[in-house]
mmCIF file of all heavy atoms, coordinates in Angstrom:
data_MODEL
# 
_entry.id   MODEL 
# 
loop_
_atom_site.group_PDB 
_atom_site.id 
_atom_site.type_symbol 
_atom_site.label_atom_id 
_atom_site.label_alt_id 
_atom_site.label_comp_id 
_atom_site.label_asym_id 
_atom_site.label_entity_id 
_atom_site.label_seq_id 
_atom_site.pdbx_PDB_ins_code 
_atom_site.Cartn_x 
_atom_site.Cartn_y 
_atom_site.Cartn_z 
_atom_site.occupancy 
_atom_site.B_iso_or_equiv 
_atom_site.pdbx_formal_charge 
_atom_site.auth_seq_id 
_atom_site.auth_comp_id 
_atom_site.auth_asym_id 
_atom_site.auth_atom_id 
_atom_site.pdbx_PDB_model_num 
ATOM 1   N N   . GLY A 1 1  ? 4.443  22.434 26.604 1.00 0.00 ? 1  GLY A N   1 
ATOM 2   C CA  . GLY A 1 1  ? 4.906  22.030 25.295 1.00 0.00 ? 1  GLY A CA  1 
ATOM 3   C C   . GLY A 1 1  ? 3.755  21.933 24.311 1.00 0.00 ? 1  GLY A C   1 
ATOM 4   O O   . GLY A 1 1  ? 2.602  21.715 24.686 1.00 0.00 ? 1  GLY A O   1 
ATOM 5   N N   . ASP A 1 2  ? 4.084  22.091 23.038 1.00 0.00 ? 2  ASP A N   1 
ATOM 6   C CA  . ASP A 1 2  ? 3.050  22.083 22.001 1.00 0.00 ? 2  ASP A CA  1 
ATOM 7   C C   . ASP A 1 2  ? 2.409  20.712 21.825 1.00 0.00 ? 2  ASP A C   1 
ATOM 8   O O   . ASP A 1 2  ? 1.259  20.615 21.403 1.00 0.00 ? 2  ASP A O   1 
ATOM 9   C CB  . ASP A 1 2  ? 3.644  22.538 20.671 1.00 0.00 ? 2  ASP A CB  1 
ATOM 10  C CG  . ASP A 1 2  ? 4.069  23.991 20.687 1.00 0.00 ? 2  ASP A CG  1 
ATOM 11  O OD1 . ASP A 1 2  ? 3.530  24.766 21.499 1.00 0.00 ? 2  ASP A OD1 1 
ATOM 12  O OD2 . ASP A 1 2  ? 4.942  24.361 19.871 1.00 0.00 ? 2  ASP A OD2 1 
ATOM 13  N N   . SER A 1 3  ? 3.128  19.656 22.124 1.00 0.00 ? 3  SER A N   1 
ATOM 14  C CA  . SER A 1 3  ? 2.655  18.318 21.816 1.00 0.00 ? 3  SER A CA  1 
ATOM 15  C C   . SER A 1 3  ? 1.438  17.894 22.623 1.00 0.00 ? 3  SER A C   1 
ATOM 16  O O   . SER A 1 3  ? 0.663  17.057 22.150 1.00 0.00 ? 3  SER A O   1 
ATOM 17  C CB  . SER A 1 3  ? 3.785  17.301 22.007 1.00 0.00 ? 3  SER A CB  1 
ATOM 18  O OG  . SER A 1 3  ? 4.203  17.268 23.358 1.00 0.00 ? 3  SER A OG  1 
ATOM 19  N N   . VAL A 1 4  ? 1.251  18.446 23.809 1.00 0.00 ? 4  VAL A N   1 
ATOM 20  C CA  . VAL A 1 4  ? 0.153  17.987 24.666 1.00 0.00 ? 4  VAL A CA  1 
ATOM 21  C C   . VAL A 1 4  ? -1.140 18.747 24.426 1.00 0.00 ? 4  VAL A C   1 
ATOM 22  O O   . VAL A 1 4  ? -2.173 18.395 24.996 1.00 0.00 ? 4  VAL A O   1 
ATOM 23  C CB  . VAL A 1 4  ? 0.543  18.060 26.153 1.00 0.00 ? 4  VAL A CB  1 
ATOM 24  C CG1 . VAL A 1 4  ? 1.755  17.177 26.413 1.00 0.00 ? 4  VAL A CG1 1 
ATOM 25  C CG2 . VAL A 1 4  ? 0.830  19.498 26.567 1.00 0.00 ? 4  VAL A CG2 1 
ATOM 26  N N   . GLN A 1 5  ? -1.111 19.799 23.623 1.00 0.00 ? 5  GLN A N   1 
ATOM 27  C CA  . GLN A 1 5  ? -2.305 20.517 23.180 1.00 0.00 ? 5  GLN A CA  1 
ATOM 28  C C   . GLN A 1 5  ? -3.191 20.971 24.331 1.00 0.00 ? 5  GLN A C   1 
ATOM 29  O O   . GLN A 1 5  ? -4.418 20.916 24.252 1.00 0.00 ? 5  GLN A O   1 
ATOM 30  C CB  . GLN A 1 5  ? -3.092 19.645 22.214 1.00 0.00 ? 5  GLN A CB  1 
ATOM 31  C CG  . GLN A 1 5  ? -2.305 19.189 20.995 1.00 0.00 ? 5  GLN A CG  1 
ATOM 32  C CD  . GLN A 1 5  ? -3.084 18.250 20.111 1.00 0.00 ? 5  GLN A CD  1 
ATOM 33  O OE1 . GLN A 1 5  ? -4.303 18.151 20.216 1.00 0.00 ? 5  GLN A OE1 1 
ATOM 34  N NE2 . GLN A 1 5  ? -2.393 17.560 19.218 1.00 0.00 ? 5  GLN A NE2 1 
ATOM 35  N N   . GLY A 1 6  ? -2.579 21.430 25.430 1.00 0.00 ? 6  GLY A N   1 
ATOM 36  C CA  . GLY A 1 6  ? -3.329 21.954 26.544 1.00 0.00 ? 6  GLY A CA  1 
ATOM 37  C C   . GLY A 1 6  ? -3.959 20.917 27.446 1.00 0.00 ? 6  GLY A C   1 
ATOM 38  O O   . GLY A 1 6  ? -4.669 21.280 28.393 1.00 0.00 ? 6  GLY A O   1 
ATOM 39  N N   . ARG A 1 7  ? -3.725 19.645 27.211 1.00 0.00 ? 7  ARG A N   1 
ATOM 40  C CA  . ARG A 1 7  ? -4.336 18.588 28.011 1.00 0.00 ? 7  ARG A CA  1 
ATOM 41  C C   . ARG A 1 7  ? -3.618 18.328 29.325 1.00 0.00 ? 7  ARG A C   1 
ATOM 42  O O   . ARG A 1 7  ? -4.195 17.703 30.218 1.00 0.00 ? 7  ARG A O   1 
ATOM 43  C CB  . ARG A 1 7  ? -4.405 17.292 27.209 1.00 0.00 ? 7  ARG A CB  1 
ATOM 44  C CG  . ARG A 1 7  ? -5.287 17.382 25.966 1.00 0.00 ? 7  ARG A CG  1 
ATOM 45  C CD  . ARG A 1 7  ? -5.272 16.071 25.177 1.00 0.00 ? 7  ARG A CD  1 
ATOM 46  N NE  . ARG A 1 7  ? -3.952 15.781 24.619 1.00 0.00 ? 7  ARG A NE  1 
ATOM 47  C CZ  . ARG A 1 7  ? -3.206 14.741 24.966 1.00 0.00 ? 7  ARG A CZ  1 
ATOM 48  N NH1 . ARG A 1 7  ? -3.647 13.867 25.867 1.00 0.00 ? 7  ARG A NH1 1 
ATOM 49  N NH2 . ARG A 1 7  ? -2.014 14.560 24.406 1.00 0.00 ? 7  ARG A NH2 1 
ATOM 50  N N   . PHE A 1 8  ? -2.385 18.773 29.437 1.00 0.00 ? 8  PHE A N   1 
ATOM 51  C CA  . PHE A 1 8  ? -1.578 18.525 30.634 1.00 0.00 ? 8  PHE A CA  1 
ATOM 52  C C   . PHE A 1 8  ? -1.358 19.825 31.386 1.00 0.00 ? 8  PHE A C   1 
ATOM 53  O O   . PHE A 1 8  ? -1.134 20.877 30.785 1.00 0.00 ? 8  PHE A O   1 
ATOM 54  C CB  . PHE A 1 8  ? -0.223 17.929 30.260 1.00 0.00 ? 8  PHE A CB  1 
ATOM 55  C CG  . PHE A 1 8  ? -0.273 16.566 29.624 1.00 0.00 ? 8  PHE A CG  1 
ATOM 56  C CD1 . PHE A 1 8  ? -1.476 15.922 29.380 1.00 0.00 ? 8  PHE A CD1 1 
ATOM 57  C CD2 . PHE A 1 8  ? 0.904  15.925 29.265 1.00 0.00 ? 8  PHE A CD2 1 
ATOM 58  C CE1 . PHE A 1 8  ? -1.519 14.664 28.794 1.00 0.00 ? 8  PHE A CE1 1 
ATOM 59  C CE2 . PHE A 1 8  ? 0.882  14.673 28.680 1.00 0.00 ? 8  PHE A CE2 1 
ATOM 60  C CZ  . PHE A 1 8  ? -0.324 14.041 28.443 1.00 0.00 ? 8  PHE A CZ  1 
ATOM 61  N N   . THR A 1 9  ? -1.383 19.746 32.712 1.00 0.00 ? 9  THR A N   1 
ATOM 62  C CA  . THR A 1 9  ? -1.193 20.907 33.562 1.00 0.00 ? 9  THR A CA  1 
ATOM 63  C C   . THR A 1 9  ? -0.199 20.594 34.659 1.00 0.00 ? 9  THR A C   1 
ATOM 64  O O   . THR A 1 9  ? -0.347 19.594 35.369 1.00 0.00 ? 9  THR A O   1 
ATOM 65  C CB  . THR A 1 9  ? -2.521 21.365 34.192 1.00 0.00 ? 9  THR A CB  1 
ATOM 66  O OG1 . THR A 1 9  ? -3.478 21.646 33.164 1.00 0.00 ? 9  THR A OG1 1 
ATOM 67  C CG2 . THR A 1 9  ? -2.305 22.621 35.027 1.00 0.00 ? 9  THR A CG2 1 
ATOM 68  N N   . ILE A 1 10 ? 0.803  21.444 34.804 1.00 0.00 ? 10 ILE A N   1 
ATOM 69  C CA  . ILE A 1 10 ? 1.791  21.276 35.857 1.00 0.00 ? 10 ILE A CA  1 
ATOM 70  C C   . ILE A 1 10 ? 1.423  22.167 37.038 1.00 0.00 ? 10 ILE A C   1 
ATOM 71  O O   . ILE A 1 10 ? 0.880  23.263 36.869 1.00 0.00 ? 10 ILE A O   1 
ATOM 72  C CB  . ILE A 1 10 ? 3.210  21.601 35.340 1.00 0.00 ? 10 ILE A CB  1 
ATOM 73  C CG1 . ILE A 1 10 ? 4.272  21.138 36.339 1.00 0.00 ? 10 ILE A CG1 1 
ATOM 74  C CG2 . ILE A 1 10 ? 3.357  23.085 35.030 1.00 0.00 ? 10 ILE A CG2 1 
ATOM 75  C CD1 . ILE A 1 10 ? 5.694  21.218 35.795 1.00 0.00 ? 10 ILE A CD1 1 
ATOM 76  N N   . SER A 1 11 ? 1.708  21.701 38.236 1.00 0.00 ? 11 SER A N   1 
ATOM 77  C CA  . SER A 1 11 ? 1.446  22.483 39.437 1.00 0.00 ? 11 SER A CA  1 
ATOM 78  C C   . SER A 1 11 ? 2.438  22.078 40.510 1.00 0.00 ? 11 SER A C   1 
ATOM 79  O O   . SER A 1 11 ? 3.085  21.025 40.427 1.00 0.00 ? 11 SER A O   1 
ATOM 80  C CB  . SER A 1 11 ? 0.012  22.304 39.930 1.00 0.00 ? 11 SER A CB  1 
ATOM 81  O OG  . SER A 1 11 ? -0.246 20.952 40.274 1.00 0.00 ? 11 SER A OG  1 
ATOM 82  N N   . GLN A 1 12 ? 2.558  22.918 41.533 1.00 0.00 ? 12 GLN A N   1 
ATOM 83  C CA  . GLN A 1 12 ? 3.487  22.685 42.618 1.00 0.00 ? 12 GLN A CA  1 
ATOM 84  C C   . GLN A 1 12 ? 2.724  22.524 43.924 1.00 0.00 ? 12 GLN A C   1 
ATOM 85  O O   . GLN A 1 12 ? 1.777  23.267 44.188 1.00 0.00 ? 12 GLN A O   1 
ATOM 86  C CB  . GLN A 1 12 ? 4.486  23.830 42.726 1.00 0.00 ? 12 GLN A CB  1 
ATOM 87  C CG  . GLN A 1 12 ? 5.605  23.594 43.725 1.00 0.00 ? 12 GLN A CG  1 
ATOM 88  C CD  . GLN A 1 12 ? 6.608  24.728 43.746 1.00 0.00 ? 12 GLN A CD  1 
ATOM 89  O OE1 . GLN A 1 12 ? 6.331  25.818 43.241 1.00 0.00 ? 12 GLN A OE1 1 
ATOM 90  N NE2 . GLN A 1 12 ? 7.761  24.488 44.316 1.00 0.00 ? 12 GLN A NE2 1 
ATOM 91  N N   . GLY A 1 13 ? 3.147  21.570 44.739 1.00 0.00 ? 13 GLY A N   1 
ATOM 92  C CA  . GLY A 1 13 ? 2.534  21.375 46.027 1.00 0.00 ? 13 GLY A CA  1 
ATOM 93  C C   . GLY A 1 13 ? 2.932  22.450 47.007 1.00 0.00 ? 13 GLY A C   1 
ATOM 94  O O   . GLY A 1 13 ? 3.910  23.176 46.813 1.00 0.00 ? 13 GLY A O   1 
ATOM 95  N N   . ASN A 1 14 ? 2.163  22.547 48.101 1.00 0.00 ? 14 ASN A N   1 
ATOM 96  C CA  . ASN A 1 14 ? 2.453  23.561 49.114 1.00 0.00 ? 14 ASN A CA  1 
ATOM 97  C C   . ASN A 1 14 ? 3.802  23.339 49.781 1.00 0.00 ? 14 ASN A C   1 
ATOM 98  O O   . ASN A 1 14 ? 4.428  24.305 50.225 1.00 0.00 ? 14 ASN A O   1 
ATOM 99  C CB  . ASN A 1 14 ? 1.348  23.568 50.170 1.00 0.00 ? 14 ASN A CB  1 
ATOM 100 C CG  . ASN A 1 14 ? 0.033  24.109 49.645 1.00 0.00 ? 14 ASN A CG  1 
ATOM 101 O OD1 . ASN A 1 14 ? 0.006  24.891 48.704 1.00 0.00 ? 14 ASN A OD1 1 
ATOM 102 N ND2 . ASN A 1 14 ? -1.062 23.693 50.259 1.00 0.00 ? 14 ASN A ND2 1 
ATOM 103 N N   . ALA A 1 15 ? 4.238  22.100 49.852 1.00 0.00 ? 15 ALA A N   1 
ATOM 104 C CA  . ALA A 1 15 ? 5.534  21.806 50.441 1.00 0.00 ? 15 ALA A CA  1 
ATOM 105 C C   . ALA A 1 15 ? 6.692  22.276 49.583 1.00 0.00 ? 15 ALA A C   1 
ATOM 106 O O   . ALA A 1 15 ? 7.811  22.366 50.055 1.00 0.00 ? 15 ALA A O   1 
ATOM 107 C CB  . ALA A 1 15 ? 5.663  20.305 50.710 1.00 0.00 ? 15 ALA A CB  1 
ATOM 108 N N   . LYS A 1 16 ? 6.426  22.550 48.321 1.00 0.00 ? 16 LYS A N   1 
ATOM 109 C CA  . LYS A 1 16 ? 7.388  23.086 47.361 1.00 0.00 ? 16 LYS A CA  1 
ATOM 110 C C   . LYS A 1 16 ? 8.528  22.140 47.043 1.00 0.00 ? 16 LYS A C   1 
ATOM 111 O O   . LYS A 1 16 ? 9.481  22.531 46.381 1.00 0.00 ? 16 LYS A O   1 
ATOM 112 C CB  . LYS A 1 16 ? 7.927  24.444 47.827 1.00 0.00 ? 16 LYS A CB  1 
ATOM 113 C CG  . LYS A 1 16 ? 6.858  25.505 47.960 1.00 0.00 ? 16 LYS A CG  1 
ATOM 114 C CD  . LYS A 1 16 ? 7.459  26.880 48.155 1.00 0.00 ? 16 LYS A CD  1 
ATOM 115 C CE  . LYS A 1 16 ? 6.373  27.923 48.349 1.00 0.00 ? 16 LYS A CE  1 
ATOM 116 N NZ  . LYS A 1 16 ? 5.471  28.022 47.179 1.00 0.00 ? 16 LYS A NZ  1 
ATOM 117 N N   . ASN A 1 17 ? 8.431  20.919 47.498 1.00 0.00 ? 17 ASN A N   1 
ATOM 118 C CA  . ASN A 1 17 ? 9.358  19.886 47.062 1.00 0.00 ? 17 ASN A CA  1 
ATOM 119 C C   . ASN A 1 17 ? 8.641  18.825 46.239 1.00 0.00 ? 17 ASN A C   1 
ATOM 120 O O   . ASN A 1 17 ? 9.189  17.745 46.002 1.00 0.00 ? 17 ASN A O   1 
ATOM 121 C CB  . ASN A 1 17 ? 10.065 19.248 48.253 1.00 0.00 ? 17 ASN A CB  1 
ATOM 122 C CG  . ASN A 1 17 ? 9.124  18.469 49.144 1.00 0.00 ? 17 ASN A CG  1 
ATOM 123 O OD1 . ASN A 1 17 ? 7.915  18.694 49.135 1.00 0.00 ? 17 ASN A OD1 1 
ATOM 124 N ND2 . ASN A 1 17 ? 9.671  17.534 49.919 1.00 0.00 ? 17 ASN A ND2 1 
ATOM 125 N N   . THR A 1 18 ? 7.434  19.135 45.808 1.00 0.00 ? 18 THR A N   1 
ATOM 126 C CA  . THR A 1 18 ? 6.623  18.226 45.022 1.00 0.00 ? 18 THR A CA  1 
ATOM 127 C C   . THR A 1 18 ? 5.999  18.971 43.855 1.00 0.00 ? 18 THR A C   1 
ATOM 128 O O   . THR A 1 18 ? 5.514  20.095 44.018 1.00 0.00 ? 18 THR A O   1 
ATOM 129 C CB  . THR A 1 18 ? 5.513  17.590 45.873 1.00 0.00 ? 18 THR A CB  1 
ATOM 130 O OG1 . THR A 1 18 ? 6.089  16.900 46.989 1.00 0.00 ? 18 THR A OG1 1 
ATOM 131 C CG2 . THR A 1 18 ? 4.706  16.601 45.044 1.00 0.00 ? 18 THR A CG2 1 
ATOM 132 N N   . VAL A 1 19 ? 6.023  18.361 42.700 1.00 0.00 ? 19 VAL A N   1 
ATOM 133 C CA  . VAL A 1 19 ? 5.384  18.924 41.525 1.00 0.00 ? 19 VAL A CA  1 
ATOM 134 C C   . VAL A 1 19 ? 4.500  17.851 40.902 1.00 0.00 ? 19 VAL A C   1 
ATOM 135 O O   . VAL A 1 19 ? 4.814  16.655 40.973 1.00 0.00 ? 19 VAL A O   1 
ATOM 136 C CB  . VAL A 1 19 ? 6.428  19.461 40.517 1.00 0.00 ? 19 VAL A CB  1 
ATOM 137 C CG1 . VAL A 1 19 ? 7.243  18.323 39.910 1.00 0.00 ? 19 VAL A CG1 1 
ATOM 138 C CG2 . VAL A 1 19 ? 5.760  20.290 39.434 1.00 0.00 ? 19 VAL A CG2 1 
ATOM 139 N N   . TYR A 1 20 ? 3.382  18.281 40.325 1.00 0.00 ? 20 TYR A N   1 
ATOM 140 C CA  . TYR A 1 20 ? 2.411  17.365 39.762 1.00 0.00 ? 20 TYR A CA  1 
ATOM 141 C C   . TYR A 1 20 ? 2.237  17.615 38.272 1.00 0.00 ? 20 TYR A C   1 
ATOM 142 O O   . TYR A 1 20 ? 2.482  18.709 37.772 1.00 0.00 ? 20 TYR A O   1 
ATOM 143 C CB  . TYR A 1 20 ? 1.053  17.528 40.445 1.00 0.00 ? 20 TYR A CB  1 
ATOM 144 C CG  . TYR A 1 20 ? 1.096  17.382 41.946 1.00 0.00 ? 20 TYR A CG  1 
ATOM 145 C CD1 . TYR A 1 20 ? 1.107  18.502 42.769 1.00 0.00 ? 20 TYR A CD1 1 
ATOM 146 C CD2 . TYR A 1 20 ? 1.118  16.132 42.537 1.00 0.00 ? 20 TYR A CD2 1 
ATOM 147 C CE1 . TYR A 1 20 ? 1.143  18.377 44.141 1.00 0.00 ? 20 TYR A CE1 1 
ATOM 148 C CE2 . TYR A 1 20 ? 1.156  15.993 43.908 1.00 0.00 ? 20 TYR A CE2 1 
ATOM 149 C CZ  . TYR A 1 20 ? 1.168  17.119 44.705 1.00 0.00 ? 20 TYR A CZ  1 
ATOM 150 O OH  . TYR A 1 20 ? 1.199  16.988 46.067 1.00 0.00 ? 20 TYR A OH  1 
ATOM 151 N N   . LEU A 1 21 ? 1.788  16.591 37.580 1.00 0.00 ? 21 LEU A N   1 
ATOM 152 C CA  . LEU A 1 21 ? 1.368  16.719 36.197 1.00 0.00 ? 21 LEU A CA  1 
ATOM 153 C C   . LEU A 1 21 ? -0.001 16.069 36.064 1.00 0.00 ? 21 LEU A C   1 
ATOM 154 O O   . LEU A 1 21 ? -0.116 14.845 36.142 1.00 0.00 ? 21 LEU A O   1 
ATOM 155 C CB  . LEU A 1 21 ? 2.360  16.068 35.233 1.00 0.00 ? 21 LEU A CB  1 
ATOM 156 C CG  . LEU A 1 21 ? 2.036  16.260 33.753 1.00 0.00 ? 21 LEU A CG  1 
ATOM 157 C CD1 . LEU A 1 21 ? 2.233  17.725 33.351 1.00 0.00 ? 21 LEU A CD1 1 
ATOM 158 C CD2 . LEU A 1 21 ? 2.888  15.360 32.877 1.00 0.00 ? 21 LEU A CD2 1 
ATOM 159 N N   . GLN A 1 22 ? -1.025 16.896 35.901 1.00 0.00 ? 22 GLN A N   1 
ATOM 160 C CA  . GLN A 1 22 ? -2.376 16.401 35.667 1.00 0.00 ? 22 GLN A CA  1 
ATOM 161 C C   . GLN A 1 22 ? -2.547 16.166 34.179 1.00 0.00 ? 22 GLN A C   1 
ATOM 162 O O   . GLN A 1 22 ? -2.402 17.094 33.385 1.00 0.00 ? 22 GLN A O   1 
ATOM 163 C CB  . GLN A 1 22 ? -3.412 17.403 36.176 1.00 0.00 ? 22 GLN A CB  1 
ATOM 164 C CG  . GLN A 1 22 ? -4.850 16.980 35.948 1.00 0.00 ? 22 GLN A CG  1 
ATOM 165 C CD  . GLN A 1 22 ? -5.239 15.761 36.745 1.00 0.00 ? 22 GLN A CD  1 
ATOM 166 O OE1 . GLN A 1 22 ? -4.927 15.680 37.929 1.00 0.00 ? 22 GLN A OE1 1 
ATOM 167 N NE2 . GLN A 1 22 ? -5.895 14.814 36.108 1.00 0.00 ? 22 GLN A NE2 1 
ATOM 168 N N   . MET A 1 23 ? -2.871 14.946 33.804 1.00 0.00 ? 23 MET A N   1 
ATOM 169 C CA  . MET A 1 23 ? -3.008 14.561 32.411 1.00 0.00 ? 23 MET A CA  1 
ATOM 170 C C   . MET A 1 23 ? -4.448 14.134 32.164 1.00 0.00 ? 23 MET A C   1 
ATOM 171 O O   . MET A 1 23 ? -4.929 13.178 32.770 1.00 0.00 ? 23 MET A O   1 
ATOM 172 C CB  . MET A 1 23 ? -2.048 13.430 32.053 1.00 0.00 ? 23 MET A CB  1 
ATOM 173 C CG  . MET A 1 23 ? -0.592 13.741 32.382 1.00 0.00 ? 23 MET A CG  1 
ATOM 174 S SD  . MET A 1 23 ? 0.543  12.480 31.762 1.00 0.00 ? 23 MET A SD  1 
ATOM 175 C CE  . MET A 1 23 ? 0.012  11.072 32.738 1.00 0.00 ? 23 MET A CE  1 
ATOM 176 N N   . ASN A 1 24 ? -5.118 14.842 31.276 1.00 0.00 ? 24 ASN A N   1 
ATOM 177 C CA  . ASN A 1 24 ? -6.504 14.567 30.939 1.00 0.00 ? 24 ASN A CA  1 
ATOM 178 C C   . ASN A 1 24 ? -6.625 14.191 29.470 1.00 0.00 ? 24 ASN A C   1 
ATOM 179 O O   . ASN A 1 24 ? -5.754 14.485 28.661 1.00 0.00 ? 24 ASN A O   1 
ATOM 180 C CB  . ASN A 1 24 ? -7.380 15.785 31.234 1.00 0.00 ? 24 ASN A CB  1 
ATOM 181 C CG  . ASN A 1 24 ? -7.383 16.177 32.687 1.00 0.00 ? 24 ASN A CG  1 
ATOM 182 O OD1 . ASN A 1 24 ? -7.363 15.325 33.569 1.00 0.00 ? 24 ASN A OD1 1 
ATOM 183 N ND2 . ASN A 1 24 ? -7.430 17.481 32.953 1.00 0.00 ? 24 ASN A ND2 1 
ATOM 184 N N   . SER A 1 25 ? -7.737 13.557 29.135 1.00 0.00 ? 25 SER A N   1 
ATOM 185 C CA  . SER A 1 25 ? -8.032 13.170 27.753 1.00 0.00 ? 25 SER A CA  1 
ATOM 186 C C   . SER A 1 25 ? -6.866 12.420 27.128 1.00 0.00 ? 25 SER A C   1 
ATOM 187 O O   . SER A 1 25 ? -6.423 12.724 26.017 1.00 0.00 ? 25 SER A O   1 
ATOM 188 C CB  . SER A 1 25 ? -8.390 14.407 26.922 1.00 0.00 ? 25 SER A CB  1 
ATOM 189 O OG  . SER A 1 25 ? -9.506 15.081 27.468 1.00 0.00 ? 25 SER A OG  1 
ATOM 190 N N   . LEU A 1 26 ? -6.374 11.438 27.833 1.00 0.00 ? 26 LEU A N   1 
ATOM 191 C CA  . LEU A 1 26 ? -5.198 10.707 27.391 1.00 0.00 ? 26 LEU A CA  1 
ATOM 192 C C   . LEU A 1 26 ? -5.471 9.936  26.108 1.00 0.00 ? 26 LEU A C   1 
ATOM 193 O O   . LEU A 1 26 ? -6.568 9.417  25.895 1.00 0.00 ? 26 LEU A O   1 
ATOM 194 C CB  . LEU A 1 26 ? -4.716 9.771  28.481 1.00 0.00 ? 26 LEU A CB  1 
ATOM 195 C CG  . LEU A 1 26 ? -4.009 10.467 29.644 1.00 0.00 ? 26 LEU A CG  1 
ATOM 196 C CD1 . LEU A 1 26 ? -3.924 9.547  30.847 1.00 0.00 ? 26 LEU A CD1 1 
ATOM 197 C CD2 . LEU A 1 26 ? -2.625 10.920 29.212 1.00 0.00 ? 26 LEU A CD2 1 
ATOM 198 N N   . LYS A 1 27 ? -4.457 9.874  25.279 1.00 0.00 ? 27 LYS A N   1 
ATOM 199 C CA  . LYS A 1 27 ? -4.515 9.197  23.992 1.00 0.00 ? 27 LYS A CA  1 
ATOM 200 C C   . LYS A 1 27 ? -3.463 8.094  23.953 1.00 0.00 ? 27 LYS A C   1 
ATOM 201 O O   . LYS A 1 27 ? -2.465 8.157  24.670 1.00 0.00 ? 27 LYS A O   1 
ATOM 202 C CB  . LYS A 1 27 ? -4.264 10.189 22.855 1.00 0.00 ? 27 LYS A CB  1 
ATOM 203 C CG  . LYS A 1 27 ? -5.181 11.396 22.861 1.00 0.00 ? 27 LYS A CG  1 
ATOM 204 C CD  . LYS A 1 27 ? -4.767 12.400 21.792 1.00 0.00 ? 27 LYS A CD  1 
ATOM 205 C CE  . LYS A 1 27 ? -5.656 13.620 21.805 1.00 0.00 ? 27 LYS A CE  1 
ATOM 206 N NZ  . LYS A 1 27 ? -5.250 14.610 20.779 1.00 0.00 ? 27 LYS A NZ  1 
ATOM 207 N N   . PRO A 1 28 ? -3.664 7.089  23.099 1.00 0.00 ? 28 PRO A N   1 
ATOM 208 C CA  . PRO A 1 28 ? -2.645 6.033  22.998 1.00 0.00 ? 28 PRO A CA  1 
ATOM 209 C C   . PRO A 1 28 ? -1.254 6.576  22.687 1.00 0.00 ? 28 PRO A C   1 
ATOM 210 O O   . PRO A 1 28 ? -0.264 6.011  23.172 1.00 0.00 ? 28 PRO A O   1 
ATOM 211 C CB  . PRO A 1 28 ? -3.176 5.147  21.862 1.00 0.00 ? 28 PRO A CB  1 
ATOM 212 C CG  . PRO A 1 28 ? -4.655 5.317  21.930 1.00 0.00 ? 28 PRO A CG  1 
ATOM 213 C CD  . PRO A 1 28 ? -4.865 6.767  22.305 1.00 0.00 ? 28 PRO A CD  1 
ATOM 214 N N   . GLU A 1 29 ? -1.162 7.644  21.927 1.00 0.00 ? 29 GLU A N   1 
ATOM 215 C CA  . GLU A 1 29 ? 0.132  8.212  21.603 1.00 0.00 ? 29 GLU A CA  1 
ATOM 216 C C   . GLU A 1 29 ? 0.813  8.888  22.791 1.00 0.00 ? 29 GLU A C   1 
ATOM 217 O O   . GLU A 1 29 ? 1.967  9.301  22.688 1.00 0.00 ? 29 GLU A O   1 
ATOM 218 C CB  . GLU A 1 29 ? 0.024  9.204  20.436 1.00 0.00 ? 29 GLU A CB  1 
ATOM 219 C CG  . GLU A 1 29 ? -1.074 10.232 20.616 1.00 0.00 ? 29 GLU A CG  1 
ATOM 220 C CD  . GLU A 1 29 ? -2.354 9.862  19.886 1.00 0.00 ? 29 GLU A CD  1 
ATOM 221 O OE1 . GLU A 1 29 ? -2.783 8.695  19.991 1.00 0.00 ? 29 GLU A OE1 1 
ATOM 222 O OE2 . GLU A 1 29 ? -2.928 10.736 19.203 1.00 0.00 ? 29 GLU A OE2 1 
# 
């Protein structure tokens, strides 16, 4: 999405029943 400005990354675990969201440079908003 445009709102996160490239700071968030989604990925899937090897088990394929798990998904992650890595969030960097977090802001109060």
